[in-house]
Every structure is written in structure tokens, then in C-alpha cells.
Amino acid sequence: MEKSQNVVRVELGLRILSSDVHSMNAAIIPSAAWRLVWALGTMKNEKEQVLVEGLCEDGTKALNVVNLDVGYSGEGSKTIVPAAAKCCVEVVPMAGMGVEDVVAKIREHLSGHGFEDIQVVAC
């Protein structure tokens, strides 16, 4: 099968808390930022191989994080544990795969790794 030239963008996101909390609680409060980073870590390894089964034919360089939105990004600094996190990834899927197929493959992968709480939608 040949790789498609189509690029599909998918947003991954989650909200763990109703609002950000002070970072002094980081040892006891879950972090949406870390949760998302851990989920992304299951999708591609250090050798640039895509680990989402059936998503990319050769498994290389076909999955790219194009933005990551976690925590406070305004002027100055805030010491917080982020309540929410999201990112957008670009995928070059196998030929014949549409947006719904890509979303389903990523959803299946994340669920299989214990990340059922992360939403997966086309962006």
C-alpha cells in the first residue's frame, strides 16, 4: 500500500480539574499536562517510529505534534498544575484512510494504553 499525500489533523485533549491549582499540590493533584505527554509518548518512539497500529504504512515520520497547549502562557509566570491540556497532531495516513479512520485508530490506541479520558477529534 502506498502512503497517502493527505494530511489529517487530530486534536487530543482532556480536562482533569475544574480549574488550575497551585503547584504546591503537584505531588497529590493529577496534571492534565503530564497525562497528555504520557499519552503522546505511547504514539511514537525515540526512533521516530509511529506506534499506532495500522495508521501509517512504514511507521516513520508520519505523525507530528504541531501545537501543544498546556498551562499558563501569558506574561510573567504562574505556579500551577494545569486543569486542562490539548494538542494537535498531523498524520500522514496510509492510502485510502479518511479522517474518521485516523480518529478511530488513534482512539483505539489511546484506549488500549489506558487513556480513555483523552478526547480525540478532527481539527
PDB file of N, CA and C in Angstrom:
ATOM      1  N   MET A   1       0.824  -1.183   0.000  1.00  0.00           N
ATOM      2  CA  MET A   1       0.000   0.000   0.000  1.00  0.00           C
ATOM      3  C   MET A   1       0.866   1.243   0.000  1.00  0.00           C
ATOM      4  N   GLU A   2       0.499   2.244  -0.759  1.00  0.00           N
ATOM      5  CA  GLU A   2       1.238   3.494  -0.770  1.00  0.00           C
ATOM      6  C   GLU A   2       0.707   4.421   0.300  1.00  0.00           C
ATOM      7  N   LYS A   3       1.583   5.304   0.765  1.00  0.00           N
ATOM      8  CA  LYS A   3       1.163   6.313   1.711  1.00  0.00           C
ATOM      9  C   LYS A   3       0.372   7.389   0.985  1.00  0.00           C
ATOM     10  N   SER A   4      -0.673   7.864   1.612  1.00  0.00           N
ATOM     11  CA  SER A   4      -1.476   8.950   1.076  1.00  0.00           C
ATOM     12  C   SER A   4      -0.706  10.263   1.191  1.00  0.00           C
ATOM     13  N   GLN A   5      -0.999  11.202   0.328  1.00  0.00           N
ATOM     14  CA  GLN A   5      -0.411  12.525   0.435  1.00  0.00           C
ATOM     15  C   GLN A   5      -1.273  13.426   1.312  1.00  0.00           C
ATOM     16  N   ASN A   6      -2.430  12.923   1.743  1.00  0.00           N
ATOM     17  CA  ASN A   6      -3.311  13.705   2.599  1.00  0.00           C
ATOM     18  C   ASN A   6      -2.721  13.836   3.988  1.00  0.00           C
ATOM     19  N   VAL A   7      -2.921  14.996   4.573  1.00  0.00           N
ATOM     20  CA  VAL A   7      -2.530  15.222   5.956  1.00  0.00           C
ATOM     21  C   VAL A   7      -3.808  15.415   6.748  1.00  0.00           C
ATOM     22  N   VAL A   8      -3.945  14.675   7.831  1.00  0.00           N
ATOM     23  CA  VAL A   8      -5.116  14.758   8.692  1.00  0.00           C
ATOM     24  C   VAL A   8      -4.668  15.346  10.021  1.00  0.00           C
ATOM     25  N   ARG A   9      -5.399  16.344  10.506  1.00  0.00           N
ATOM     26  CA  ARG A   9      -5.099  16.936  11.814  1.00  0.00           C
ATOM     27  C   ARG A   9      -6.099  16.423  12.831  1.00  0.00           C
ATOM     28  N   VAL A  10      -5.577  16.025  13.983  1.00  0.00           N
ATOM     29  CA  VAL A  10      -6.410  15.481  15.053  1.00  0.00           C
ATOM     30  C   VAL A  10      -6.039  16.186  16.353  1.00  0.00           C
ATOM     31  N   GLU A  11      -7.066  16.590  17.101  1.00  0.00           N
ATOM     32  CA  GLU A  11      -6.830  17.207  18.399  1.00  0.00           C
ATOM     33  C   GLU A  11      -7.013  16.180  19.503  1.00  0.00           C
ATOM     34  N   LEU A  12      -6.064  16.157  20.413  1.00  0.00           N
ATOM     35  CA  LEU A  12      -6.137  15.328  21.608  1.00  0.00           C
ATOM     36  C   LEU A  12      -6.274  16.277  22.786  1.00  0.00           C
ATOM     37  N   GLY A  13      -7.211  16.004  23.672  1.00  0.00           N
ATOM     38  CA  GLY A  13      -7.363  16.908  24.802  1.00  0.00           C
ATOM     39  C   GLY A  13      -8.060  16.273  25.981  1.00  0.00           C
ATOM     40  N   LEU A  14      -7.866  16.871  27.151  1.00  0.00           N
ATOM     41  CA  LEU A  14      -8.534  16.406  28.347  1.00  0.00           C
ATOM     42  C   LEU A  14      -8.608  17.519  29.371  1.00  0.00           C
ATOM     43  N   ARG A  15      -9.577  17.404  30.238  1.00  0.00           N
ATOM     44  CA  ARG A  15      -9.727  18.280  31.401  1.00  0.00           C
ATOM     45  C   ARG A  15      -9.829  17.372  32.606  1.00  0.00           C
ATOM     46  N   ILE A  16      -8.921  17.545  33.555  1.00  0.00           N
ATOM     47  CA  ILE A  16      -8.892  16.707  34.746  1.00  0.00           C
ATOM     48  C   ILE A  16      -9.540  17.417  35.932  1.00  0.00           C
ATOM     49  N   LEU A  17      -9.292  18.724  36.033  1.00  0.00           N
ATOM     50  CA  LEU A  17      -9.784  19.506  37.165  1.00  0.00           C
ATOM     51  C   LEU A  17     -10.716  20.606  36.668  1.00  0.00           C
ATOM     52  N   SER A  18     -11.514  21.165  37.550  1.00  0.00           N
ATOM     53  CA  SER A  18     -12.412  22.252  37.143  1.00  0.00           C
ATOM     54  C   SER A  18     -11.640  23.553  36.950  1.00  0.00           C
ATOM     55  N   SER A  19     -10.492  23.693  37.605  1.00  0.00           N
ATOM     56  CA  SER A  19      -9.643  24.873  37.419  1.00  0.00           C
ATOM     57  C   SER A  19      -8.205  24.508  37.778  1.00  0.00           C
ATOM     58  N   ASP A  20      -7.270  25.348  37.326  1.00  0.00           N
ATOM     59  CA  ASP A  20      -5.869  25.150  37.689  1.00  0.00           C
ATOM     60  C   ASP A  20      -5.726  25.267  39.203  1.00  0.00           C
ATOM     61  N   VAL A  21      -4.754  24.569  39.757  1.00  0.00           N
ATOM     62  CA  VAL A  21      -4.479  24.668  41.194  1.00  0.00           C
ATOM     63  C   VAL A  21      -3.005  25.029  41.393  1.00  0.00           C
ATOM     64  N   HIS A  22      -2.683  25.532  42.557  1.00  0.00           N
ATOM     65  CA  HIS A  22      -1.313  25.941  42.848  1.00  0.00           C
ATOM     66  C   HIS A  22      -0.388  24.722  42.792  1.00  0.00           C
ATOM     67  N   SER A  23       0.810  24.936  42.272  1.00  0.00           N
ATOM     68  CA  SER A  23       1.750  23.826  42.070  1.00  0.00           C
ATOM     69  C   SER A  23       2.273  23.220  43.367  1.00  0.00           C
ATOM     70  N   MET A  24       2.028  23.862  44.499  1.00  0.00           N
ATOM     71  CA  MET A  24       2.448  23.244  45.761  1.00  0.00           C
ATOM     72  C   MET A  24       1.703  21.927  45.993  1.00  0.00           C
ATOM     73  N   ASN A  25       0.605  21.729  45.239  1.00  0.00           N
ATOM     74  CA  ASN A  25      -0.184  20.499  45.336  1.00  0.00           C
ATOM     75  C   ASN A  25       0.181  19.476  44.258  1.00  0.00           C
ATOM     76  N   ALA A  26       1.248  19.716  43.515  1.00  0.00           N
ATOM     77  CA  ALA A  26       1.601  18.863  42.372  1.00  0.00           C
ATOM     78  C   ALA A  26       1.829  17.399  42.751  1.00  0.00           C
ATOM     79  N   ALA A  27       2.241  17.140  43.965  1.00  0.00           N
ATOM     80  CA  ALA A  27       2.501  15.755  44.376  1.00  0.00           C
ATOM     81  C   ALA A  27       1.216  14.971  44.634  1.00  0.00           C
ATOM     82  N   ILE A  28       0.092  15.679  44.808  1.00  0.00           N
ATOM     83  CA  ILE A  28      -1.158  14.986  45.144  1.00  0.00           C
ATOM     84  C   ILE A  28      -2.300  15.240  44.157  1.00  0.00           C
ATOM     85  N   ILE A  29      -2.109  16.174  43.230  1.00  0.00           N
ATOM     86  CA  ILE A  29      -3.147  16.522  42.252  1.00  0.00           C
ATOM     87  C   ILE A  29      -2.706  16.040  40.871  1.00  0.00           C
ATOM     88  N   PRO A  30      -3.586  15.386  40.126  1.00  0.00           N
ATOM     89  CA  PRO A  30      -3.208  14.952  38.774  1.00  0.00           C
ATOM     90  C   PRO A  30      -3.017  16.145  37.842  1.00  0.00           C
ATOM     91  N   SER A  31      -2.115  16.007  36.906  1.00  0.00           N
ATOM     92  CA  SER A  31      -1.807  17.073  35.945  1.00  0.00           C
ATOM     93  C   SER A  31      -2.260  16.670  34.545  1.00  0.00           C
ATOM     94  N   ALA A  32      -3.104  17.500  33.950  1.00  0.00           N
ATOM     95  CA  ALA A  32      -3.534  17.258  32.569  1.00  0.00           C
ATOM     96  C   ALA A  32      -2.344  17.310  31.622  1.00  0.00           C
ATOM     97  N   ALA A  33      -1.391  18.176  31.916  1.00  0.00           N
ATOM     98  CA  ALA A  33      -0.211  18.305  31.059  1.00  0.00           C
ATOM     99  C   ALA A  33       0.584  17.000  31.015  1.00  0.00           C
ATOM    100  N   TRP A  34       0.875  16.441  32.181  1.00  0.00           N
ATOM    101  CA  TRP A  34       1.624  15.186  32.216  1.00  0.00           C
ATOM    102  C   TRP A  34       0.830  14.057  31.585  1.00  0.00           C
ATOM    103  N   ARG A  35      -0.466  14.024  31.832  1.00  0.00           N
ATOM    104  CA  ARG A  35      -1.310  12.958  31.273  1.00  0.00           C
ATOM    105  C   ARG A  35      -1.239  12.974  29.743  1.00  0.00           C
ATOM    106  N   LEU A  36      -1.326  14.158  29.154  1.00  0.00           N
ATOM    107  CA  LEU A  36      -1.257  14.277  27.697  1.00  0.00           C
ATOM    108  C   LEU A  36       0.131  13.900  27.178  1.00  0.00           C
ATOM    109  N   VAL A  37       1.166  14.332  27.857  1.00  0.00           N
ATOM    110  CA  VAL A  37       2.534  13.985  27.448  1.00  0.00           C
ATOM    111  C   VAL A  37       2.744  12.473  27.490  1.00  0.00           C
ATOM    112  N   TRP A  38       2.250  11.829  28.539  1.00  0.00           N
ATOM    113  CA  TRP A  38       2.376  10.365  28.629  1.00  0.00           C
ATOM    114  C   TRP A  38       1.635   9.679  27.491  1.00  0.00           C
ATOM    115  N   ALA A  39       0.448  10.186  27.153  1.00  0.00           N
ATOM    116  CA  ALA A  39      -0.324   9.608  26.046  1.00  0.00           C
ATOM    117  C   ALA A  39       0.428   9.769  24.724  1.00  0.00           C
ATOM    118  N   LEU A  40       0.974  10.957  24.492  1.00  0.00           N
ATOM    119  CA  LEU A  40       1.750  11.181  23.266  1.00  0.00           C
ATOM    120  C   LEU A  40       2.951  10.247  23.203  1.00  0.00           C
ATOM    121  N   GLY A  41       3.538   9.965  24.349  1.00  0.00           N
ATOM    122  CA  GLY A  41       4.702   9.081  24.405  1.00  0.00           C
ATOM    123  C   GLY A  41       4.411   7.652  23.979  1.00  0.00           C
ATOM    124  N   THR A  42       3.153   7.255  23.990  1.00  0.00           N
ATOM    125  CA  THR A  42       2.801   5.906  23.531  1.00  0.00           C
ATOM    126  C   THR A  42       2.623   5.843  22.024  1.00  0.00           C
ATOM    127  N   MET A  43       2.568   6.993  21.371  1.00  0.00           N
ATOM    128  CA  MET A  43       2.220   7.046  19.957  1.00  0.00           C
ATOM    129  C   MET A  43       3.410   7.014  19.011  1.00  0.00           C
ATOM    130  N   LYS A  44       4.585   7.367  19.513  1.00  0.00           N
ATOM    131  CA  LYS A  44       5.781   7.414  18.670  1.00  0.00           C
ATOM    132  C   LYS A  44       6.984   7.210  19.569  1.00  0.00           C
ATOM    133  N   ASN A  45       7.975   6.470  19.077  1.00  0.00           N
ATOM    134  CA  ASN A  45       9.153   6.224  19.909  1.00  0.00           C
ATOM    135  C   ASN A  45      10.323   7.135  19.539  1.00  0.00           C
ATOM    136  N   GLU A  46      11.436   6.951  20.227  1.00  0.00           N
ATOM    137  CA  GLU A  46      12.619   7.796  20.029  1.00  0.00           C
ATOM    138  C   GLU A  46      13.248   7.631  18.643  1.00  0.00           C
ATOM    139  N   LYS A  47      12.914   6.561  17.959  1.00  0.00           N
ATOM    140  CA  LYS A  47      13.441   6.324  16.609  1.00  0.00           C
ATOM    141  C   LYS A  47      12.502   6.859  15.538  1.00  0.00           C
ATOM    142  N   GLU A  48      11.523   7.689  15.961  1.00  0.00           N
ATOM    143  CA  GLU A  48      10.551   8.303  15.055  1.00  0.00           C
ATOM    144  C   GLU A  48       9.576   7.298  14.439  1.00  0.00           C
ATOM    145  N   GLN A  49       9.440   6.132  15.034  1.00  0.00           N
ATOM    146  CA  GLN A  49       8.504   5.125  14.542  1.00  0.00           C
ATOM    147  C   GLN A  49       7.130   5.357  15.155  1.00  0.00           C
ATOM    148  N   VAL A  50       6.110   5.412  14.305  1.00  0.00           N
ATOM    149  CA  VAL A  50       4.734   5.573  14.767  1.00  0.00           C
ATOM    150  C   VAL A  50       4.268   4.236  15.337  1.00  0.00           C
ATOM    151  N   LEU A  51       3.729   4.266  16.548  1.00  0.00           N
ATOM    152  CA  LEU A  51       3.337   3.054  17.256  1.00  0.00           C
ATOM    153  C   LEU A  51       1.833   2.809  17.240  1.00  0.00           C
ATOM    154  N   VAL A  52       1.088   3.653  16.551  1.00  0.00           N
ATOM    155  CA  VAL A  52      -0.363   3.476  16.431  1.00  0.00           C
ATOM    156  C   VAL A  52      -0.595   2.467  15.311  1.00  0.00           C
ATOM    157  N   GLU A  53      -1.038   1.271  15.689  1.00  0.00           N
ATOM    158  CA  GLU A  53      -1.178   0.174  14.737  1.00  0.00           C
ATOM    159  C   GLU A  53      -2.125   0.525  13.595  1.00  0.00           C
ATOM    160  N   GLY A  54      -1.659   0.261  12.368  1.00  0.00           N
ATOM    161  CA  GLY A  54      -2.481   0.442  11.182  1.00  0.00           C
ATOM    162  C   GLY A  54      -2.665   1.871  10.721  1.00  0.00           C
ATOM    163  N   LEU A  55      -1.942   2.812  11.330  1.00  0.00           N
ATOM    164  CA  LEU A  55      -2.119   4.216  10.978  1.00  0.00           C
ATOM    165  C   LEU A  55      -1.241   4.640   9.806  1.00  0.00           C
ATOM    166  N   CYS A  56       0.019   4.252   9.844  1.00  0.00           N
ATOM    167  CA  CYS A  56       0.986   4.671   8.831  1.00  0.00           C
ATOM    168  C   CYS A  56       1.728   3.446   8.325  1.00  0.00           C
ATOM    169  N   GLU A  57       1.849   3.333   7.024  1.00  0.00           N
ATOM    170  CA  GLU A  57       2.401   2.107   6.443  1.00  0.00           C
ATOM    171  C   GLU A  57       3.793   1.771   6.935  1.00  0.00           C
ATOM    172  N   ASP A  58       4.729   2.696   6.810  1.00  0.00           N
ATOM    173  CA  ASP A  58       6.090   2.361   7.219  1.00  0.00           C
ATOM    174  C   ASP A  58       6.378   2.769   8.657  1.00  0.00           C
ATOM    175  N   GLY A  59       5.433   3.448   9.293  1.00  0.00           N
ATOM    176  CA  GLY A  59       5.567   3.783  10.704  1.00  0.00           C
ATOM    177  C   GLY A  59       6.564   4.877  11.033  1.00  0.00           C
ATOM    178  N   THR A  60       7.076   5.572  10.007  1.00  0.00           N
ATOM    179  CA  THR A  60       8.061   6.614  10.300  1.00  0.00           C
ATOM    180  C   THR A  60       7.629   7.972   9.777  1.00  0.00           C
ATOM    181  N   LYS A  61       7.965   8.974  10.542  1.00  0.00           N
ATOM    182  CA  LYS A  61       7.813  10.388  10.170  1.00  0.00           C
ATOM    183  C   LYS A  61       6.452  10.733   9.578  1.00  0.00           C
ATOM    184  N   ALA A  62       5.421  10.103  10.072  1.00  0.00           N
ATOM    185  CA  ALA A  62       4.086  10.367   9.568  1.00  0.00           C
ATOM    186  C   ALA A  62       3.157  10.865  10.673  1.00  0.00           C
ATOM    187  N   LEU A  63       3.736  11.220  11.808  1.00  0.00           N
ATOM    188  CA  LEU A  63       2.970  11.718  12.946  1.00  0.00           C
ATOM    189  C   LEU A  63       3.773  12.852  13.562  1.00  0.00           C
ATOM    190  N   ASN A  64       3.169  14.024  13.631  1.00  0.00           N
ATOM    191  CA  ASN A  64       3.890  15.201  14.079  1.00  0.00           C
ATOM    192  C   ASN A  64       3.017  16.025  15.017  1.00  0.00           C
ATOM    193  N   VAL A  65       3.537  16.426  16.158  1.00  0.00           N
ATOM    194  CA  VAL A  65       2.821  17.338  17.049  1.00  0.00           C
ATOM    195  C   VAL A  65       3.027  18.744  16.503  1.00  0.00           C
ATOM    196  N   VAL A  66       1.926  19.428  16.157  1.00  0.00           N
ATOM    197  CA  VAL A  66       2.045  20.766  15.583  1.00  0.00           C
ATOM    198  C   VAL A  66       1.751  21.874  16.583  1.00  0.00           C
ATOM    199  N   ASN A  67       1.077  21.550  17.673  1.00  0.00           N
ATOM    200  CA  ASN A  67       0.952  22.517  18.766  1.00  0.00           C
ATOM    201  C   ASN A  67       0.642  21.785  20.051  1.00  0.00           C
ATOM    202  N   LEU A  68       0.955  22.432  21.144  1.00  0.00           N
ATOM    203  CA  LEU A  68       0.737  21.859  22.460  1.00  0.00           C
ATOM    204  C   LEU A  68       0.280  23.010  23.346  1.00  0.00           C
ATOM    205  N   ASP A  69      -0.905  22.875  23.921  1.00  0.00           N
ATOM    206  CA  ASP A  69      -1.491  23.944  24.722  1.00  0.00           C
ATOM    207  C   ASP A  69      -1.727  23.424  26.136  1.00  0.00           C
ATOM    208  N   VAL A  70      -0.805  23.747  27.033  1.00  0.00           N
ATOM    209  CA  VAL A  70      -0.925  23.305  28.423  1.00  0.00           C
ATOM    210  C   VAL A  70      -0.498  24.439  29.349  1.00  0.00           C
ATOM    211  N   GLY A  71      -1.208  24.580  30.439  1.00  0.00           N
ATOM    212  CA  GLY A  71      -0.819  25.526  31.466  1.00  0.00           C
ATOM    213  C   GLY A  71      -0.962  26.977  31.076  1.00  0.00           C
ATOM    214  N   TYR A  72      -0.344  27.823  31.849  1.00  0.00           N
ATOM    215  CA  TYR A  72      -0.418  29.272  31.678  1.00  0.00           C
ATOM    216  C   TYR A  72       0.586  29.722  30.632  1.00  0.00           C
ATOM    217  N   SER A  73       0.163  30.580  29.695  1.00  0.00           N
ATOM    218  CA  SER A  73       1.080  31.051  28.656  1.00  0.00           C
ATOM    219  C   SER A  73       1.071  32.569  28.524  1.00  0.00           C
ATOM    220  N   GLY A  74       0.530  33.263  29.521  1.00  0.00           N
ATOM    221  CA  GLY A  74       0.506  34.726  29.490  1.00  0.00           C
ATOM    222  C   GLY A  74       1.830  35.312  29.940  1.00  0.00           C
ATOM    223  N   GLU A  75       1.824  36.623  30.131  1.00  0.00           N
ATOM    224  CA  GLU A  75       3.036  37.301  30.589  1.00  0.00           C
ATOM    225  C   GLU A  75       3.345  36.907  32.030  1.00  0.00           C
ATOM    226  N   GLY A  76       4.608  36.922  32.356  1.00  0.00           N
ATOM    227  CA  GLY A  76       5.012  36.541  33.692  1.00  0.00           C
ATOM    228  C   GLY A  76       4.906  35.044  33.875  1.00  0.00           C
ATOM    229  N   SER A  77       4.762  34.633  35.105  1.00  0.00           N
ATOM    230  CA  SER A  77       4.660  33.200  35.356  1.00  0.00           C
ATOM    231  C   SER A  77       3.598  32.933  36.410  1.00  0.00           C
ATOM    232  N   LYS A  78       3.087  31.731  36.390  1.00  0.00           N
ATOM    233  CA  LYS A  78       2.153  31.255  37.395  1.00  0.00           C
ATOM    234  C   LYS A  78       2.609  29.868  37.796  1.00  0.00           C
ATOM    235  N   THR A  79       2.556  29.571  39.042  1.00  0.00           N
ATOM    236  CA  THR A  79       2.940  28.247  39.520  1.00  0.00           C
ATOM    237  C   THR A  79       1.673  27.434  39.686  1.00  0.00           C
ATOM    238  N   ILE A  80       1.344  26.668  38.648  1.00  0.00           N
ATOM    239  CA  ILE A  80       0.081  25.928  38.627  1.00  0.00           C
ATOM    240  C   ILE A  80       0.272  24.478  38.201  1.00  0.00           C
ATOM    241  N   VAL A  81      -0.712  23.685  38.551  1.00  0.00           N
ATOM    242  CA  VAL A  81      -0.911  22.367  37.958  1.00  0.00           C
ATOM    243  C   VAL A  81      -2.062  22.585  36.974  1.00  0.00           C
ATOM    244  N   PRO A  82      -1.829  22.404  35.673  1.00  0.00           N
ATOM    245  CA  PRO A  82      -2.865  22.684  34.687  1.00  0.00           C
ATOM    246  C   PRO A  82      -4.075  21.761  34.803  1.00  0.00           C
ATOM    247  N   ALA A  83      -5.252  22.350  34.721  1.00  0.00           N
ATOM    248  CA  ALA A  83      -6.505  21.596  34.775  1.00  0.00           C
ATOM    249  C   ALA A  83      -6.790  20.910  33.444  1.00  0.00           C
ATOM    250  N   ALA A  84      -6.337  21.520  32.348  1.00  0.00           N
ATOM    251  CA  ALA A  84      -6.641  21.012  31.009  1.00  0.00           C
ATOM    252  C   ALA A  84      -5.395  21.060  30.137  1.00  0.00           C
ATOM    253  N   ALA A  85      -5.398  20.236  29.102  1.00  0.00           N
ATOM    254  CA  ALA A  85      -4.301  20.210  28.140  1.00  0.00           C
ATOM    255  C   ALA A  85      -4.839  19.725  26.805  1.00  0.00           C
ATOM    256  N   LYS A  86      -4.263  20.242  25.735  1.00  0.00           N
ATOM    257  CA  LYS A  86      -4.643  19.752  24.408  1.00  0.00           C
ATOM    258  C   LYS A  86      -3.486  19.957  23.448  1.00  0.00           C
ATOM    259  N   CYS A  87      -3.537  19.209  22.367  1.00  0.00           N
ATOM    260  CA  CYS A  87      -2.548  19.369  21.313  1.00  0.00           C
ATOM    261  C   CYS A  87      -3.191  18.981  19.992  1.00  0.00           C
ATOM    262  N   CYS A  88      -2.545  19.382  18.930  1.00  0.00           N
ATOM    263  CA  CYS A  88      -2.978  18.979  17.594  1.00  0.00           C
ATOM    264  C   CYS A  88      -1.824  18.212  16.968  1.00  0.00           C
ATOM    265  N   VAL A  89      -2.153  17.055  16.392  1.00  0.00           N
ATOM    266  CA  VAL A  89      -1.146  16.267  15.693  1.00  0.00           C
ATOM    267  C   VAL A  89      -1.524  16.170  14.222  1.00  0.00           C
ATOM    268  N   GLU A  90      -0.519  16.144  13.384  1.00  0.00           N
ATOM    269  CA  GLU A  90      -0.716  15.907  11.956  1.00  0.00           C
ATOM    270  C   GLU A  90      -0.329  14.471  11.665  1.00  0.00           C
ATOM    271  N   VAL A  91      -1.150  13.823  10.859  1.00  0.00           N
ATOM    272  CA  VAL A  91      -0.919  12.435  10.494  1.00  0.00           C
ATOM    273  C   VAL A  91      -0.918  12.324   8.972  1.00  0.00           C
ATOM    274  N   VAL A  92       0.049  11.617   8.429  1.00  0.00           N
ATOM    275  CA  VAL A  92       0.025  11.228   7.018  1.00  0.00           C
ATOM    276  C   VAL A  92      -0.348   9.751   7.031  1.00  0.00           C
ATOM    277  N   PRO A  93      -1.640   9.458   6.858  1.00  0.00           N
ATOM    278  CA  PRO A  93      -2.096   8.068   6.990  1.00  0.00           C
ATOM    279  C   PRO A  93      -1.835   7.251   5.731  1.00  0.00           C
ATOM    280  N   MET A  94      -2.073   5.942   5.856  1.00  0.00           N
ATOM    281  CA  MET A  94      -1.979   5.062   4.691  1.00  0.00           C
ATOM    282  C   MET A  94      -3.018   5.478   3.651  1.00  0.00           C
ATOM    283  N   ALA A  95      -2.749   5.166   2.417  1.00  0.00           N
ATOM    284  CA  ALA A  95      -3.673   5.481   1.328  1.00  0.00           C
ATOM    285  C   ALA A  95      -5.050   4.884   1.615  1.00  0.00           C
ATOM    286  N   GLY A  96      -6.066   5.638   1.286  1.00  0.00           N
ATOM    287  CA  GLY A  96      -7.430   5.166   1.452  1.00  0.00           C
ATOM    288  C   GLY A  96      -8.036   5.464   2.813  1.00  0.00           C
ATOM    289  N   MET A  97      -7.238   5.947   3.752  1.00  0.00           N
ATOM    290  CA  MET A  97      -7.763   6.260   5.076  1.00  0.00           C
ATOM    291  C   MET A  97      -8.296   7.679   5.106  1.00  0.00           C
ATOM    292  N   GLY A  98      -9.491   7.839   5.663  1.00  0.00           N
ATOM    293  CA  GLY A  98     -10.078   9.153   5.827  1.00  0.00           C
ATOM    294  C   GLY A  98      -9.917   9.654   7.243  1.00  0.00           C
ATOM    295  N   VAL A  99     -10.447  10.828   7.479  1.00  0.00           N
ATOM    296  CA  VAL A  99     -10.360  11.453   8.797  1.00  0.00           C
ATOM    297  C   VAL A  99     -10.948  10.546   9.873  1.00  0.00           C
ATOM    298  N   GLU A 100     -12.123   9.969   9.614  1.00  0.00           N
ATOM    299  CA  GLU A 100     -12.780   9.114  10.608  1.00  0.00           C
ATOM    300  C   GLU A 100     -11.929   7.892  10.941  1.00  0.00           C
ATOM    301  N   ASP A 101     -11.252   7.346   9.927  1.00  0.00           N
ATOM    302  CA  ASP A 101     -10.369   6.195  10.145  1.00  0.00           C
ATOM    303  C   ASP A 101      -9.194   6.568  11.057  1.00  0.00           C
ATOM    304  N   VAL A 102      -8.619   7.726  10.799  1.00  0.00           N
ATOM    305  CA  VAL A 102      -7.481   8.196  11.596  1.00  0.00           C
ATOM    306  C   VAL A 102      -7.907   8.407  13.045  1.00  0.00           C
ATOM    307  N   VAL A 103      -9.028   9.105  13.237  1.00  0.00           N
ATOM    308  CA  VAL A 103      -9.542   9.344  14.591  1.00  0.00           C
ATOM    309  C   VAL A 103      -9.789   8.013  15.299  1.00  0.00           C
ATOM    310  N   ALA A 104     -10.398   7.054  14.602  1.00  0.00           N
ATOM    311  CA  ALA A 104     -10.701   5.744  15.201  1.00  0.00           C
ATOM    312  C   ALA A 104      -9.430   4.993  15.586  1.00  0.00           C
ATOM    313  N   LYS A 105      -8.398   5.028  14.739  1.00  0.00           N
ATOM    314  CA  LYS A 105      -7.134   4.333  15.041  1.00  0.00           C
ATOM    315  C   LYS A 105      -6.464   4.936  16.272  1.00  0.00           C
ATOM    316  N   ILE A 106      -6.459   6.269  16.342  1.00  0.00           N
ATOM    317  CA  ILE A 106      -5.841   6.928  17.491  1.00  0.00           C
ATOM    318  C   ILE A 106      -6.656   6.669  18.753  1.00  0.00           C
ATOM    319  N   ARG A 107      -7.985   6.731  18.635  1.00  0.00           N
ATOM    320  CA  ARG A 107      -8.856   6.461  19.787  1.00  0.00           C
ATOM    321  C   ARG A 107      -8.618   5.054  20.330  1.00  0.00           C
ATOM    322  N   GLU A 108      -8.548   4.078  19.416  1.00  0.00           N
ATOM    323  CA  GLU A 108      -8.315   2.685  19.807  1.00  0.00           C
ATOM    324  C   GLU A 108      -6.959   2.534  20.495  1.00  0.00           C
ATOM    325  N   HIS A 109      -5.949   3.179  19.929  1.00  0.00           N
ATOM    326  CA  HIS A 109      -4.605   3.109  20.501  1.00  0.00           C
ATOM    327  C   HIS A 109      -4.582   3.684  21.918  1.00  0.00           C
ATOM    328  N   LEU A 110      -5.120   4.886  22.080  1.00  0.00           N
ATOM    329  CA  LEU A 110      -5.095   5.524  23.394  1.00  0.00           C
ATOM    330  C   LEU A 110      -5.898   4.726  24.421  1.00  0.00           C
ATOM    331  N   SER A 111      -7.050   4.234  24.022  1.00  0.00           N
ATOM    332  CA  SER A 111      -7.848   3.419  24.940  1.00  0.00           C
ATOM    333  C   SER A 111      -7.094   2.160  25.354  1.00  0.00           C
ATOM    334  N   GLY A 112      -6.404   1.553  24.412  1.00  0.00           N
ATOM    335  CA  GLY A 112      -5.629   0.356  24.696  1.00  0.00           C
ATOM    336  C   GLY A 112      -4.457   0.588  25.645  1.00  0.00           C
ATOM    337  N   HIS A 113      -4.062   1.850  25.783  1.00  0.00           N
ATOM    338  CA  HIS A 113      -2.966   2.205  26.684  1.00  0.00           C
ATOM    339  C   HIS A 113      -3.470   2.900  27.951  1.00  0.00           C
ATOM    340  N   GLY A 114      -4.776   2.829  28.188  1.00  0.00           N
ATOM    341  CA  GLY A 114      -5.329   3.378  29.429  1.00  0.00           C
ATOM    342  C   GLY A 114      -5.651   4.855  29.402  1.00  0.00           C
ATOM    343  N   PHE A 115      -5.747   5.435  28.213  1.00  0.00           N
ATOM    344  CA  PHE A 115      -6.030   6.864  28.093  1.00  0.00           C
ATOM    345  C   PHE A 115      -7.433   7.115  27.534  1.00  0.00           C
ATOM    346  N   GLU A 116      -8.422   6.431  28.110  1.00  0.00           N
ATOM    347  CA  GLU A 116      -9.811   6.598  27.670  1.00  0.00           C
ATOM    348  C   GLU A 116     -10.313   8.013  27.907  1.00  0.00           C
ATOM    349  N   ASP A 117      -9.718   8.722  28.854  1.00  0.00           N
ATOM    350  CA  ASP A 117     -10.163  10.067  29.219  1.00  0.00           C
ATOM    351  C   ASP A 117      -9.734  11.135  28.224  1.00  0.00           C
ATOM    352  N   ILE A 118      -8.851  10.820  27.307  1.00  0.00           N
ATOM    353  CA  ILE A 118      -8.396  11.802  26.331  1.00  0.00           C
ATOM    354  C   ILE A 118      -9.342  11.810  25.142  1.00  0.00           C
ATOM    355  N   GLN A 119      -9.865  12.990  24.842  1.00  0.00           N
ATOM    356  CA  GLN A 119     -10.760  13.144  23.698  1.00  0.00           C
ATOM    357  C   GLN A 119      -9.950  13.196  22.416  1.00  0.00           C
ATOM    358  N   VAL A 120     -10.489  12.609  21.360  1.00  0.00           N
ATOM    359  CA  VAL A 120      -9.829  12.577  20.063  1.00  0.00           C
ATOM    360  C   VAL A 120     -10.821  13.069  19.017  1.00  0.00           C
ATOM    361  N   VAL A 121     -10.543  14.230  18.405  1.00  0.00           N
ATOM    362  CA  VAL A 121     -11.448  14.800  17.394  1.00  0.00           C
ATOM    363  C   VAL A 121     -10.623  15.384  16.245  1.00  0.00           C
ATOM    364  N   ALA A 122     -11.199  15.416  15.081  1.00  0.00           N
ATOM    365  CA  ALA A 122     -10.558  16.051  13.943  1.00  0.00           C
ATOM    366  C   ALA A 122     -10.505  17.553  14.189  1.00  0.00           C
ATOM    367  N   CYS A 123      -9.424  18.182  13.768  1.00  0.00           N
ATOM    368  CA  CYS A 123      -9.321  19.650  13.941  1.00  0.00           C
ATOM    369  C   CYS A 123      -8.919  20.315  12.632  1.00  0.00           C
TER     370      CYS A 123
END
